[in-house]
Amino acid sequence: MNTTANGTFTVPTRDQVSENNQAIFDNLHKMIGFVPNLYAYYAHSETALADYLALQNRKSSLTGKEREIINLVTSQINGCRYCQSAHSVFAKFSGLTEDQILEIRKGSASFDAKLNALVQFTASVVENRGRATEAAKEAFFNAGYNEANLIDAVIIIGDKTISNYLHNITGLEIDWPLAVEI
């Protein structure tokens, strides 16, 4: 774990966070069986965990599978091993196979033309800091996506970038099955 001027980045326990965050910890434990280290880290802030989860769990015009594709591509480009690992698990729950997940993380989805356009669009947005290429935008819309999908994709990219950056800064222990490094 990386160190700060005052020591190390720490993952707070349930007893070390506010009552509101304790309730969120309890809900996370019920939903996924544990409180992931990165989520727990957000609880150092009184409001960040609830705010982040609200953003992450907002209604979207994109399917769960499409959301996981965006999460995988964004986390891969941003070099966040924690989120690559967590979202490899969630991507399997959304119906993607291990081979498909690896292909997506490498930058394509040859098994589905529409999803491939989403992979390419997401990569273009992340790599170009929001300035997606005209070709990526055109392919996105030609694949059947619309402007509501574009907005939701960018929100998901932003949501995932927050966690990617937070983990890249802190280097917290990865408490998910470790994703294959590519």
N, C-alpha and C. Protein backbone atom coordinates (compact mmCIF):
# COMPACT_ATOMS: atom_id res chain seq x y z
N MET A 1 0.84 -1.17 0.00
CA MET A 1 0.00 0.00 0.00
C MET A 1 0.89 1.24 0.00
N ASN A 2 0.46 2.25 -0.68
CA ASN A 2 1.23 3.49 -0.75
C ASN A 2 1.13 4.25 0.56
N THR A 3 2.08 5.15 0.79
CA THR A 3 2.07 5.92 2.02
C THR A 3 1.77 7.38 1.75
N THR A 4 1.17 8.02 2.73
CA THR A 4 0.93 9.46 2.68
C THR A 4 1.93 10.12 3.60
N ALA A 5 1.89 11.43 3.68
CA ALA A 5 2.78 12.15 4.59
C ALA A 5 2.51 11.73 6.03
N ASN A 6 1.29 11.30 6.32
CA ASN A 6 0.92 10.91 7.68
C ASN A 6 0.89 9.40 7.89
N GLY A 7 1.34 8.62 6.95
CA GLY A 7 1.29 7.17 7.11
C GLY A 7 0.81 6.49 5.85
N THR A 8 -0.16 5.60 6.00
CA THR A 8 -0.65 4.85 4.85
C THR A 8 -2.11 5.17 4.58
N PHE A 9 -2.54 4.89 3.36
CA PHE A 9 -3.97 4.98 3.04
C PHE A 9 -4.65 3.82 3.74
N THR A 10 -5.69 4.10 4.46
CA THR A 10 -6.35 3.06 5.25
C THR A 10 -7.77 2.85 4.79
N VAL A 11 -8.20 1.62 4.89
CA VAL A 11 -9.58 1.26 4.60
C VAL A 11 -10.31 1.25 5.95
N PRO A 12 -11.28 2.13 6.13
CA PRO A 12 -11.95 2.18 7.43
C PRO A 12 -12.84 0.96 7.65
N THR A 13 -12.95 0.58 8.89
CA THR A 13 -13.88 -0.48 9.27
C THR A 13 -15.25 0.14 9.51
N ARG A 14 -16.24 -0.71 9.67
CA ARG A 14 -17.61 -0.24 9.91
C ARG A 14 -17.66 0.67 11.13
N ASP A 15 -16.94 0.32 12.18
CA ASP A 15 -16.96 1.09 13.42
C ASP A 15 -16.29 2.46 13.28
N GLN A 16 -15.53 2.65 12.23
CA GLN A 16 -14.79 3.90 12.05
C GLN A 16 -15.50 4.90 11.15
N VAL A 17 -16.70 4.56 10.67
CA VAL A 17 -17.41 5.45 9.75
C VAL A 17 -18.72 5.93 10.39
N SER A 18 -19.32 6.94 9.78
CA SER A 18 -20.55 7.52 10.30
C SER A 18 -21.71 6.51 10.28
N GLU A 19 -22.77 6.83 10.99
CA GLU A 19 -23.96 5.95 11.00
C GLU A 19 -24.53 5.78 9.60
N ASN A 20 -24.57 6.85 8.82
CA ASN A 20 -25.08 6.74 7.44
C ASN A 20 -24.22 5.78 6.63
N ASN A 21 -22.91 5.90 6.76
CA ASN A 21 -22.02 5.01 6.03
C ASN A 21 -22.08 3.58 6.59
N GLN A 22 -22.32 3.42 7.88
CA GLN A 22 -22.50 2.08 8.45
C GLN A 22 -23.70 1.38 7.81
N ALA A 23 -24.77 2.13 7.61
CA ALA A 23 -25.97 1.56 6.97
C ALA A 23 -25.65 1.13 5.53
N ILE A 24 -24.85 1.94 4.84
CA ILE A 24 -24.46 1.58 3.47
C ILE A 24 -23.56 0.34 3.49
N PHE A 25 -22.64 0.27 4.44
CA PHE A 25 -21.80 -0.92 4.58
C PHE A 25 -22.69 -2.15 4.77
N ASP A 26 -23.70 -2.04 5.63
CA ASP A 26 -24.61 -3.16 5.88
C ASP A 26 -25.32 -3.59 4.61
N ASN A 27 -25.80 -2.62 3.84
CA ASN A 27 -26.49 -2.93 2.57
C ASN A 27 -25.54 -3.59 1.57
N LEU A 28 -24.33 -3.08 1.48
CA LEU A 28 -23.35 -3.68 0.57
C LEU A 28 -23.05 -5.11 0.98
N HIS A 29 -22.91 -5.33 2.27
CA HIS A 29 -22.63 -6.67 2.76
C HIS A 29 -23.77 -7.62 2.40
N LYS A 30 -25.01 -7.16 2.52
CA LYS A 30 -26.17 -7.98 2.15
C LYS A 30 -26.21 -8.26 0.66
N MET A 31 -25.87 -7.24 -0.15
CA MET A 31 -25.98 -7.37 -1.61
C MET A 31 -24.86 -8.21 -2.22
N ILE A 32 -23.61 -7.98 -1.80
CA ILE A 32 -22.50 -8.67 -2.46
C ILE A 32 -21.65 -9.52 -1.53
N GLY A 33 -22.01 -9.54 -0.25
CA GLY A 33 -21.33 -10.43 0.68
C GLY A 33 -20.15 -9.83 1.40
N PHE A 34 -19.73 -8.63 1.02
CA PHE A 34 -18.63 -7.93 1.69
C PHE A 34 -18.67 -6.47 1.28
N VAL A 35 -17.89 -5.67 1.95
CA VAL A 35 -17.75 -4.26 1.58
C VAL A 35 -16.40 -4.12 0.87
N PRO A 36 -16.44 -3.91 -0.44
CA PRO A 36 -15.18 -3.78 -1.18
C PRO A 36 -14.32 -2.64 -0.62
N ASN A 37 -13.02 -2.86 -0.60
CA ASN A 37 -12.10 -1.88 -0.05
C ASN A 37 -12.27 -0.49 -0.65
N LEU A 38 -12.46 -0.42 -1.95
CA LEU A 38 -12.57 0.90 -2.57
C LEU A 38 -13.84 1.61 -2.12
N TYR A 39 -14.95 0.89 -2.02
CA TYR A 39 -16.17 1.50 -1.50
C TYR A 39 -15.96 1.95 -0.06
N ALA A 40 -15.34 1.11 0.75
CA ALA A 40 -15.09 1.48 2.14
C ALA A 40 -14.24 2.74 2.21
N TYR A 41 -13.28 2.87 1.32
CA TYR A 41 -12.40 4.05 1.34
C TYR A 41 -13.21 5.33 1.14
N TYR A 42 -14.21 5.28 0.28
CA TYR A 42 -15.07 6.45 0.07
C TYR A 42 -15.68 6.93 1.39
N ALA A 43 -15.88 6.02 2.34
CA ALA A 43 -16.55 6.34 3.59
C ALA A 43 -15.71 7.22 4.52
N HIS A 44 -14.46 7.50 4.16
CA HIS A 44 -13.70 8.50 4.91
C HIS A 44 -14.42 9.85 4.80
N SER A 45 -15.16 10.03 3.73
CA SER A 45 -15.97 11.23 3.53
C SER A 45 -17.39 10.92 3.99
N GLU A 46 -18.02 11.87 4.63
CA GLU A 46 -19.38 11.67 5.12
C GLU A 46 -20.37 11.38 3.99
N THR A 47 -20.18 11.99 2.83
CA THR A 47 -21.18 11.88 1.77
C THR A 47 -20.71 11.16 0.51
N ALA A 48 -19.42 10.96 0.35
CA ALA A 48 -18.90 10.45 -0.93
C ALA A 48 -19.41 9.06 -1.29
N LEU A 49 -19.51 8.16 -0.32
CA LEU A 49 -19.94 6.80 -0.64
C LEU A 49 -21.38 6.80 -1.16
N ALA A 50 -22.26 7.47 -0.47
CA ALA A 50 -23.66 7.54 -0.91
C ALA A 50 -23.77 8.23 -2.27
N ASP A 51 -23.03 9.32 -2.42
CA ASP A 51 -23.06 10.05 -3.69
C ASP A 51 -22.56 9.18 -4.84
N TYR A 52 -21.44 8.49 -4.61
CA TYR A 52 -20.87 7.65 -5.66
C TYR A 52 -21.81 6.51 -6.02
N LEU A 53 -22.37 5.85 -5.02
CA LEU A 53 -23.29 4.74 -5.29
C LEU A 53 -24.54 5.22 -6.02
N ALA A 54 -25.03 6.41 -5.68
CA ALA A 54 -26.19 6.96 -6.39
C ALA A 54 -25.85 7.18 -7.86
N LEU A 55 -24.67 7.71 -8.13
CA LEU A 55 -24.24 7.92 -9.51
C LEU A 55 -24.09 6.58 -10.22
N GLN A 56 -23.44 5.64 -9.57
CA GLN A 56 -23.17 4.35 -10.19
C GLN A 56 -24.46 3.56 -10.46
N ASN A 57 -25.44 3.70 -9.60
CA ASN A 57 -26.66 2.90 -9.71
C ASN A 57 -27.83 3.65 -10.33
N ARG A 58 -27.58 4.79 -10.93
CA ARG A 58 -28.66 5.56 -11.54
C ARG A 58 -29.26 4.79 -12.72
N LYS A 59 -30.51 5.12 -13.03
CA LYS A 59 -31.15 4.50 -14.20
C LYS A 59 -30.42 4.95 -15.44
N SER A 60 -30.40 4.08 -16.44
CA SER A 60 -29.64 4.35 -17.65
C SER A 60 -30.38 3.79 -18.85
N SER A 61 -30.14 4.41 -19.99
CA SER A 61 -30.69 3.89 -21.25
C SER A 61 -29.86 2.71 -21.77
N LEU A 62 -28.75 2.43 -21.11
CA LEU A 62 -27.88 1.33 -21.52
C LEU A 62 -28.13 0.10 -20.66
N THR A 63 -27.95 -1.07 -21.23
CA THR A 63 -28.16 -2.32 -20.51
C THR A 63 -27.03 -2.55 -19.51
N GLY A 64 -27.24 -3.50 -18.61
CA GLY A 64 -26.19 -3.86 -17.67
C GLY A 64 -24.93 -4.32 -18.38
N LYS A 65 -25.09 -5.09 -19.45
CA LYS A 65 -23.94 -5.57 -20.21
C LYS A 65 -23.19 -4.39 -20.83
N GLU A 66 -23.93 -3.44 -21.41
CA GLU A 66 -23.28 -2.27 -22.02
C GLU A 66 -22.56 -1.44 -20.96
N ARG A 67 -23.16 -1.31 -19.80
CA ARG A 67 -22.51 -0.56 -18.71
C ARG A 67 -21.20 -1.23 -18.30
N GLU A 68 -21.22 -2.56 -18.21
CA GLU A 68 -20.00 -3.27 -17.83
C GLU A 68 -18.93 -3.15 -18.90
N ILE A 69 -19.32 -3.12 -20.15
CA ILE A 69 -18.35 -2.91 -21.23
C ILE A 69 -17.67 -1.56 -21.07
N ILE A 70 -18.45 -0.53 -20.79
CA ILE A 70 -17.89 0.80 -20.58
C ILE A 70 -16.94 0.78 -19.37
N ASN A 71 -17.36 0.12 -18.30
CA ASN A 71 -16.52 0.03 -17.11
C ASN A 71 -15.20 -0.68 -17.40
N LEU A 72 -15.27 -1.77 -18.15
CA LEU A 72 -14.06 -2.52 -18.48
C LEU A 72 -13.09 -1.71 -19.35
N VAL A 73 -13.63 -1.09 -20.39
CA VAL A 73 -12.78 -0.33 -21.30
C VAL A 73 -12.14 0.86 -20.57
N THR A 74 -12.95 1.58 -19.81
CA THR A 74 -12.45 2.75 -19.08
C THR A 74 -11.37 2.34 -18.09
N SER A 75 -11.63 1.27 -17.33
CA SER A 75 -10.67 0.82 -16.32
C SER A 75 -9.38 0.31 -16.96
N GLN A 76 -9.50 -0.31 -18.12
CA GLN A 76 -8.30 -0.80 -18.81
C GLN A 76 -7.44 0.37 -19.27
N ILE A 77 -8.05 1.35 -19.91
CA ILE A 77 -7.30 2.49 -20.42
C ILE A 77 -6.70 3.30 -19.27
N ASN A 78 -7.44 3.43 -18.16
CA ASN A 78 -6.95 4.19 -17.02
C ASN A 78 -6.00 3.38 -16.14
N GLY A 79 -5.77 2.13 -16.48
CA GLY A 79 -4.80 1.31 -15.77
C GLY A 79 -5.19 0.98 -14.33
N CYS A 80 -6.47 0.82 -14.07
CA CYS A 80 -6.93 0.53 -12.71
C CYS A 80 -7.17 -0.97 -12.54
N ARG A 81 -6.21 -1.64 -11.91
CA ARG A 81 -6.31 -3.09 -11.70
C ARG A 81 -7.49 -3.44 -10.79
N TYR A 82 -7.78 -2.61 -9.83
CA TYR A 82 -8.90 -2.87 -8.92
C TYR A 82 -10.20 -2.96 -9.71
N CYS A 83 -10.47 -1.94 -10.52
CA CYS A 83 -11.73 -1.90 -11.27
C CYS A 83 -11.75 -2.92 -12.41
N GLN A 84 -10.61 -3.20 -13.00
CA GLN A 84 -10.55 -4.28 -14.00
C GLN A 84 -11.01 -5.58 -13.35
N SER A 85 -10.54 -5.82 -12.15
CA SER A 85 -10.87 -7.06 -11.43
C SER A 85 -12.33 -7.10 -11.03
N ALA A 86 -12.82 -6.04 -10.40
CA ALA A 86 -14.22 -6.00 -9.96
C ALA A 86 -15.16 -6.12 -11.15
N HIS A 87 -14.89 -5.39 -12.21
CA HIS A 87 -15.82 -5.40 -13.34
C HIS A 87 -15.69 -6.63 -14.23
N SER A 88 -14.60 -7.35 -14.11
CA SER A 88 -14.55 -8.67 -14.77
C SER A 88 -15.54 -9.61 -14.11
N VAL A 89 -15.68 -9.51 -12.79
CA VAL A 89 -16.69 -10.31 -12.07
C VAL A 89 -18.09 -9.89 -12.48
N PHE A 90 -18.37 -8.58 -12.44
CA PHE A 90 -19.71 -8.10 -12.78
C PHE A 90 -20.06 -8.35 -14.25
N ALA A 91 -19.06 -8.29 -15.13
CA ALA A 91 -19.31 -8.55 -16.55
C ALA A 91 -19.76 -9.98 -16.78
N LYS A 92 -19.21 -10.91 -16.01
CA LYS A 92 -19.66 -12.31 -16.11
C LYS A 92 -21.13 -12.42 -15.69
N PHE A 93 -21.51 -11.71 -14.64
CA PHE A 93 -22.91 -11.71 -14.20
C PHE A 93 -23.83 -11.12 -15.27
N SER A 94 -23.29 -10.21 -16.10
CA SER A 94 -24.11 -9.59 -17.14
C SER A 94 -24.20 -10.46 -18.40
N GLY A 95 -23.49 -11.59 -18.41
CA GLY A 95 -23.60 -12.52 -19.53
C GLY A 95 -22.39 -12.59 -20.43
N LEU A 96 -21.33 -11.86 -20.12
CA LEU A 96 -20.12 -11.93 -20.94
C LEU A 96 -19.24 -13.09 -20.48
N THR A 97 -18.59 -13.72 -21.43
CA THR A 97 -17.68 -14.82 -21.11
C THR A 97 -16.30 -14.26 -20.78
N GLU A 98 -15.45 -15.10 -20.21
CA GLU A 98 -14.07 -14.69 -19.89
C GLU A 98 -13.34 -14.24 -21.16
N ASP A 99 -13.49 -14.99 -22.26
CA ASP A 99 -12.83 -14.61 -23.52
C ASP A 99 -13.34 -13.27 -24.03
N GLN A 100 -14.67 -13.04 -23.93
CA GLN A 100 -15.23 -11.76 -24.37
C GLN A 100 -14.72 -10.61 -23.51
N ILE A 101 -14.63 -10.84 -22.22
CA ILE A 101 -14.14 -9.80 -21.30
C ILE A 101 -12.70 -9.42 -21.66
N LEU A 102 -11.87 -10.41 -21.91
CA LEU A 102 -10.49 -10.14 -22.29
C LEU A 102 -10.41 -9.39 -23.62
N GLU A 103 -11.24 -9.79 -24.56
CA GLU A 103 -11.25 -9.10 -25.86
C GLU A 103 -11.68 -7.65 -25.70
N ILE A 104 -12.70 -7.42 -24.89
CA ILE A 104 -13.18 -6.05 -24.64
C ILE A 104 -12.06 -5.23 -24.00
N ARG A 105 -11.39 -5.79 -23.01
CA ARG A 105 -10.30 -5.07 -22.35
C ARG A 105 -9.16 -4.77 -23.33
N LYS A 106 -9.01 -5.60 -24.35
CA LYS A 106 -7.98 -5.36 -25.36
C LYS A 106 -8.44 -4.37 -26.43
N GLY A 107 -9.74 -3.99 -26.42
CA GLY A 107 -10.19 -2.92 -27.30
C GLY A 107 -11.13 -3.29 -28.42
N SER A 108 -11.75 -4.47 -28.37
CA SER A 108 -12.73 -4.80 -29.41
C SER A 108 -13.76 -5.79 -28.86
N ALA A 109 -14.83 -5.93 -29.62
CA ALA A 109 -15.87 -6.90 -29.31
C ALA A 109 -16.33 -7.50 -30.63
N SER A 110 -15.46 -8.30 -31.24
CA SER A 110 -15.73 -8.86 -32.58
C SER A 110 -16.97 -9.75 -32.60
N PHE A 111 -17.42 -10.20 -31.45
CA PHE A 111 -18.56 -11.10 -31.34
C PHE A 111 -19.91 -10.38 -31.49
N ASP A 112 -19.91 -9.02 -31.53
CA ASP A 112 -21.15 -8.27 -31.63
C ASP A 112 -20.84 -6.87 -32.18
N ALA A 113 -21.34 -6.56 -33.37
CA ALA A 113 -21.00 -5.30 -34.04
C ALA A 113 -21.45 -4.08 -33.23
N LYS A 114 -22.62 -4.14 -32.63
CA LYS A 114 -23.10 -2.98 -31.87
C LYS A 114 -22.23 -2.77 -30.63
N LEU A 115 -21.92 -3.85 -29.92
CA LEU A 115 -21.07 -3.72 -28.74
C LEU A 115 -19.66 -3.28 -29.12
N ASN A 116 -19.19 -3.70 -30.28
CA ASN A 116 -17.87 -3.27 -30.75
C ASN A 116 -17.86 -1.75 -30.95
N ALA A 117 -18.95 -1.20 -31.50
CA ALA A 117 -19.04 0.25 -31.67
C ALA A 117 -18.99 0.94 -30.31
N LEU A 118 -19.61 0.33 -29.30
CA LEU A 118 -19.58 0.89 -27.94
C LEU A 118 -18.16 0.84 -27.37
N VAL A 119 -17.47 -0.27 -27.57
CA VAL A 119 -16.08 -0.39 -27.12
C VAL A 119 -15.23 0.70 -27.77
N GLN A 120 -15.36 0.86 -29.07
CA GLN A 120 -14.55 1.84 -29.80
C GLN A 120 -14.88 3.26 -29.38
N PHE A 121 -16.17 3.55 -29.19
CA PHE A 121 -16.59 4.88 -28.76
C PHE A 121 -16.02 5.18 -27.37
N THR A 122 -16.19 4.23 -26.45
CA THR A 122 -15.71 4.43 -25.08
C THR A 122 -14.20 4.67 -25.08
N ALA A 123 -13.48 3.84 -25.80
CA ALA A 123 -12.02 4.00 -25.86
C ALA A 123 -11.65 5.37 -26.42
N SER A 124 -12.35 5.81 -27.44
CA SER A 124 -12.05 7.09 -28.04
C SER A 124 -12.33 8.24 -27.06
N VAL A 125 -13.43 8.15 -26.33
CA VAL A 125 -13.75 9.18 -25.33
C VAL A 125 -12.67 9.23 -24.25
N VAL A 126 -12.32 8.07 -23.70
CA VAL A 126 -11.36 8.03 -22.59
C VAL A 126 -9.97 8.45 -23.07
N GLU A 127 -9.51 7.88 -24.15
CA GLU A 127 -8.16 8.18 -24.64
C GLU A 127 -8.00 9.64 -25.05
N ASN A 128 -9.07 10.24 -25.54
CA ASN A 128 -9.00 11.62 -26.05
C ASN A 128 -9.62 12.63 -25.09
N ARG A 129 -9.80 12.22 -23.84
CA ARG A 129 -10.32 13.11 -22.80
C ARG A 129 -11.61 13.81 -23.22
N GLY A 130 -12.53 13.00 -23.74
CA GLY A 130 -13.83 13.51 -24.12
C GLY A 130 -13.95 13.95 -25.56
N ARG A 131 -12.87 14.00 -26.26
CA ARG A 131 -12.91 14.42 -27.66
C ARG A 131 -12.89 13.19 -28.57
N ALA A 132 -13.99 12.44 -28.53
CA ALA A 132 -14.09 11.23 -29.35
C ALA A 132 -13.90 11.59 -30.82
N THR A 133 -13.30 10.68 -31.53
CA THR A 133 -13.09 10.92 -32.97
C THR A 133 -14.43 10.90 -33.70
N GLU A 134 -14.45 11.55 -34.83
CA GLU A 134 -15.67 11.56 -35.65
C GLU A 134 -16.03 10.14 -36.07
N ALA A 135 -15.01 9.33 -36.38
CA ALA A 135 -15.26 7.95 -36.80
C ALA A 135 -15.91 7.15 -35.67
N ALA A 136 -15.45 7.34 -34.43
CA ALA A 136 -16.02 6.62 -33.29
C ALA A 136 -17.46 7.06 -33.04
N LYS A 137 -17.72 8.37 -33.15
CA LYS A 137 -19.09 8.86 -32.95
C LYS A 137 -20.01 8.33 -34.06
N GLU A 138 -19.55 8.38 -35.29
CA GLU A 138 -20.35 7.91 -36.42
C GLU A 138 -20.67 6.42 -36.28
N ALA A 139 -19.68 5.63 -35.93
CA ALA A 139 -19.90 4.19 -35.75
C ALA A 139 -20.87 3.92 -34.60
N PHE A 140 -20.77 4.69 -33.54
CA PHE A 140 -21.66 4.58 -32.38
C PHE A 140 -23.11 4.79 -32.81
N PHE A 141 -23.36 5.88 -33.51
CA PHE A 141 -24.73 6.18 -33.96
C PHE A 141 -25.19 5.21 -35.04
N ASN A 142 -24.30 4.84 -35.96
CA ASN A 142 -24.67 3.88 -37.01
C ASN A 142 -24.99 2.51 -36.44
N ALA A 143 -24.46 2.18 -35.27
CA ALA A 143 -24.73 0.89 -34.63
C ALA A 143 -26.11 0.86 -33.97
N GLY A 144 -26.76 2.01 -33.91
CA GLY A 144 -28.10 2.06 -33.33
C GLY A 144 -28.20 2.81 -32.01
N TYR A 145 -27.11 3.35 -31.54
CA TYR A 145 -27.14 4.14 -30.32
C TYR A 145 -27.66 5.54 -30.64
N ASN A 146 -28.21 6.21 -29.62
CA ASN A 146 -28.75 7.55 -29.81
C ASN A 146 -28.09 8.53 -28.84
N GLU A 147 -28.58 9.76 -28.83
CA GLU A 147 -27.97 10.79 -28.00
C GLU A 147 -28.15 10.51 -26.51
N ALA A 148 -29.29 9.92 -26.11
CA ALA A 148 -29.47 9.55 -24.71
C ALA A 148 -28.42 8.51 -24.31
N ASN A 149 -28.15 7.56 -25.20
CA ASN A 149 -27.11 6.56 -24.95
C ASN A 149 -25.74 7.21 -24.83
N LEU A 150 -25.47 8.21 -25.67
CA LEU A 150 -24.19 8.91 -25.61
C LEU A 150 -24.03 9.59 -24.24
N ILE A 151 -25.08 10.28 -23.79
CA ILE A 151 -25.03 10.95 -22.49
C ILE A 151 -24.79 9.93 -21.38
N ASP A 152 -25.54 8.84 -21.40
CA ASP A 152 -25.38 7.82 -20.36
C ASP A 152 -24.00 7.19 -20.42
N ALA A 153 -23.46 6.98 -21.60
CA ALA A 153 -22.11 6.41 -21.72
C ALA A 153 -21.08 7.33 -21.09
N VAL A 154 -21.19 8.61 -21.34
CA VAL A 154 -20.24 9.57 -20.78
C VAL A 154 -20.37 9.65 -19.26
N ILE A 155 -21.59 9.57 -18.74
CA ILE A 155 -21.77 9.55 -17.29
C ILE A 155 -21.11 8.31 -16.68
N ILE A 156 -21.28 7.16 -17.32
CA ILE A 156 -20.65 5.93 -16.82
C ILE A 156 -19.13 6.03 -16.89
N ILE A 157 -18.61 6.60 -17.97
CA ILE A 157 -17.16 6.82 -18.08
C ILE A 157 -16.69 7.70 -16.92
N GLY A 158 -17.43 8.76 -16.65
CA GLY A 158 -17.06 9.66 -15.55
C GLY A 158 -17.11 8.96 -14.22
N ASP A 159 -18.16 8.19 -13.99
CA ASP A 159 -18.31 7.43 -12.74
C ASP A 159 -17.13 6.49 -12.55
N LYS A 160 -16.77 5.77 -13.60
CA LYS A 160 -15.69 4.80 -13.47
C LYS A 160 -14.34 5.49 -13.35
N THR A 161 -14.18 6.62 -14.00
CA THR A 161 -12.92 7.36 -13.89
C THR A 161 -12.67 7.81 -12.46
N ILE A 162 -13.72 8.20 -11.75
CA ILE A 162 -13.58 8.59 -10.35
C ILE A 162 -12.94 7.45 -9.56
N SER A 163 -13.50 6.25 -9.66
CA SER A 163 -12.95 5.11 -8.92
C SER A 163 -11.57 4.72 -9.43
N ASN A 164 -11.37 4.76 -10.74
CA ASN A 164 -10.05 4.43 -11.30
C ASN A 164 -8.99 5.35 -10.69
N TYR A 165 -9.26 6.63 -10.69
CA TYR A 165 -8.28 7.58 -10.18
C TYR A 165 -8.07 7.40 -8.68
N LEU A 166 -9.16 7.18 -7.95
CA LEU A 166 -9.02 7.02 -6.50
C LEU A 166 -8.18 5.79 -6.18
N HIS A 167 -8.41 4.69 -6.90
CA HIS A 167 -7.58 3.52 -6.64
C HIS A 167 -6.15 3.72 -7.11
N ASN A 168 -5.98 4.34 -8.26
CA ASN A 168 -4.62 4.56 -8.76
C ASN A 168 -3.81 5.43 -7.80
N ILE A 169 -4.47 6.34 -7.09
CA ILE A 169 -3.79 7.18 -6.10
C ILE A 169 -3.46 6.39 -4.85
N THR A 170 -4.41 5.59 -4.37
CA THR A 170 -4.25 4.94 -3.06
C THR A 170 -3.58 3.58 -3.12
N GLY A 171 -3.75 2.86 -4.21
CA GLY A 171 -3.18 1.52 -4.31
C GLY A 171 -3.76 0.55 -3.28
N LEU A 172 -5.01 0.73 -2.91
CA LEU A 172 -5.63 -0.15 -1.92
C LEU A 172 -5.57 -1.60 -2.38
N GLU A 173 -5.55 -2.51 -1.41
CA GLU A 173 -5.52 -3.94 -1.72
C GLU A 173 -6.73 -4.33 -2.56
N ILE A 174 -6.49 -5.11 -3.59
CA ILE A 174 -7.56 -5.60 -4.46
C ILE A 174 -8.20 -6.81 -3.78
N ASP A 175 -9.48 -6.67 -3.46
CA ASP A 175 -10.19 -7.73 -2.75
C ASP A 175 -11.21 -8.45 -3.64
N TRP A 176 -10.94 -8.46 -4.91
CA TRP A 176 -11.70 -9.20 -5.92
C TRP A 176 -10.76 -10.24 -6.53
N PRO A 177 -11.32 -11.27 -7.18
CA PRO A 177 -10.42 -12.17 -7.92
C PRO A 177 -9.64 -11.34 -8.94
N LEU A 178 -8.34 -11.46 -8.92
CA LEU A 178 -7.49 -10.60 -9.74
C LEU A 178 -7.70 -10.87 -11.23
N ALA A 179 -8.00 -9.82 -11.97
CA ALA A 179 -8.19 -9.95 -13.41
C ALA A 179 -6.86 -10.26 -14.08
N VAL A 180 -6.92 -10.97 -15.17
CA VAL A 180 -5.74 -11.27 -15.97
C VAL A 180 -5.10 -9.96 -16.40
N GLU A 181 -3.81 -9.88 -16.26
CA GLU A 181 -3.11 -8.67 -16.69
C GLU A 181 -2.86 -8.75 -18.18
N ILE A 182 -3.23 -7.68 -18.89
CA ILE A 182 -2.99 -7.63 -20.36
C ILE A 182 -2.29 -6.34 -20.72
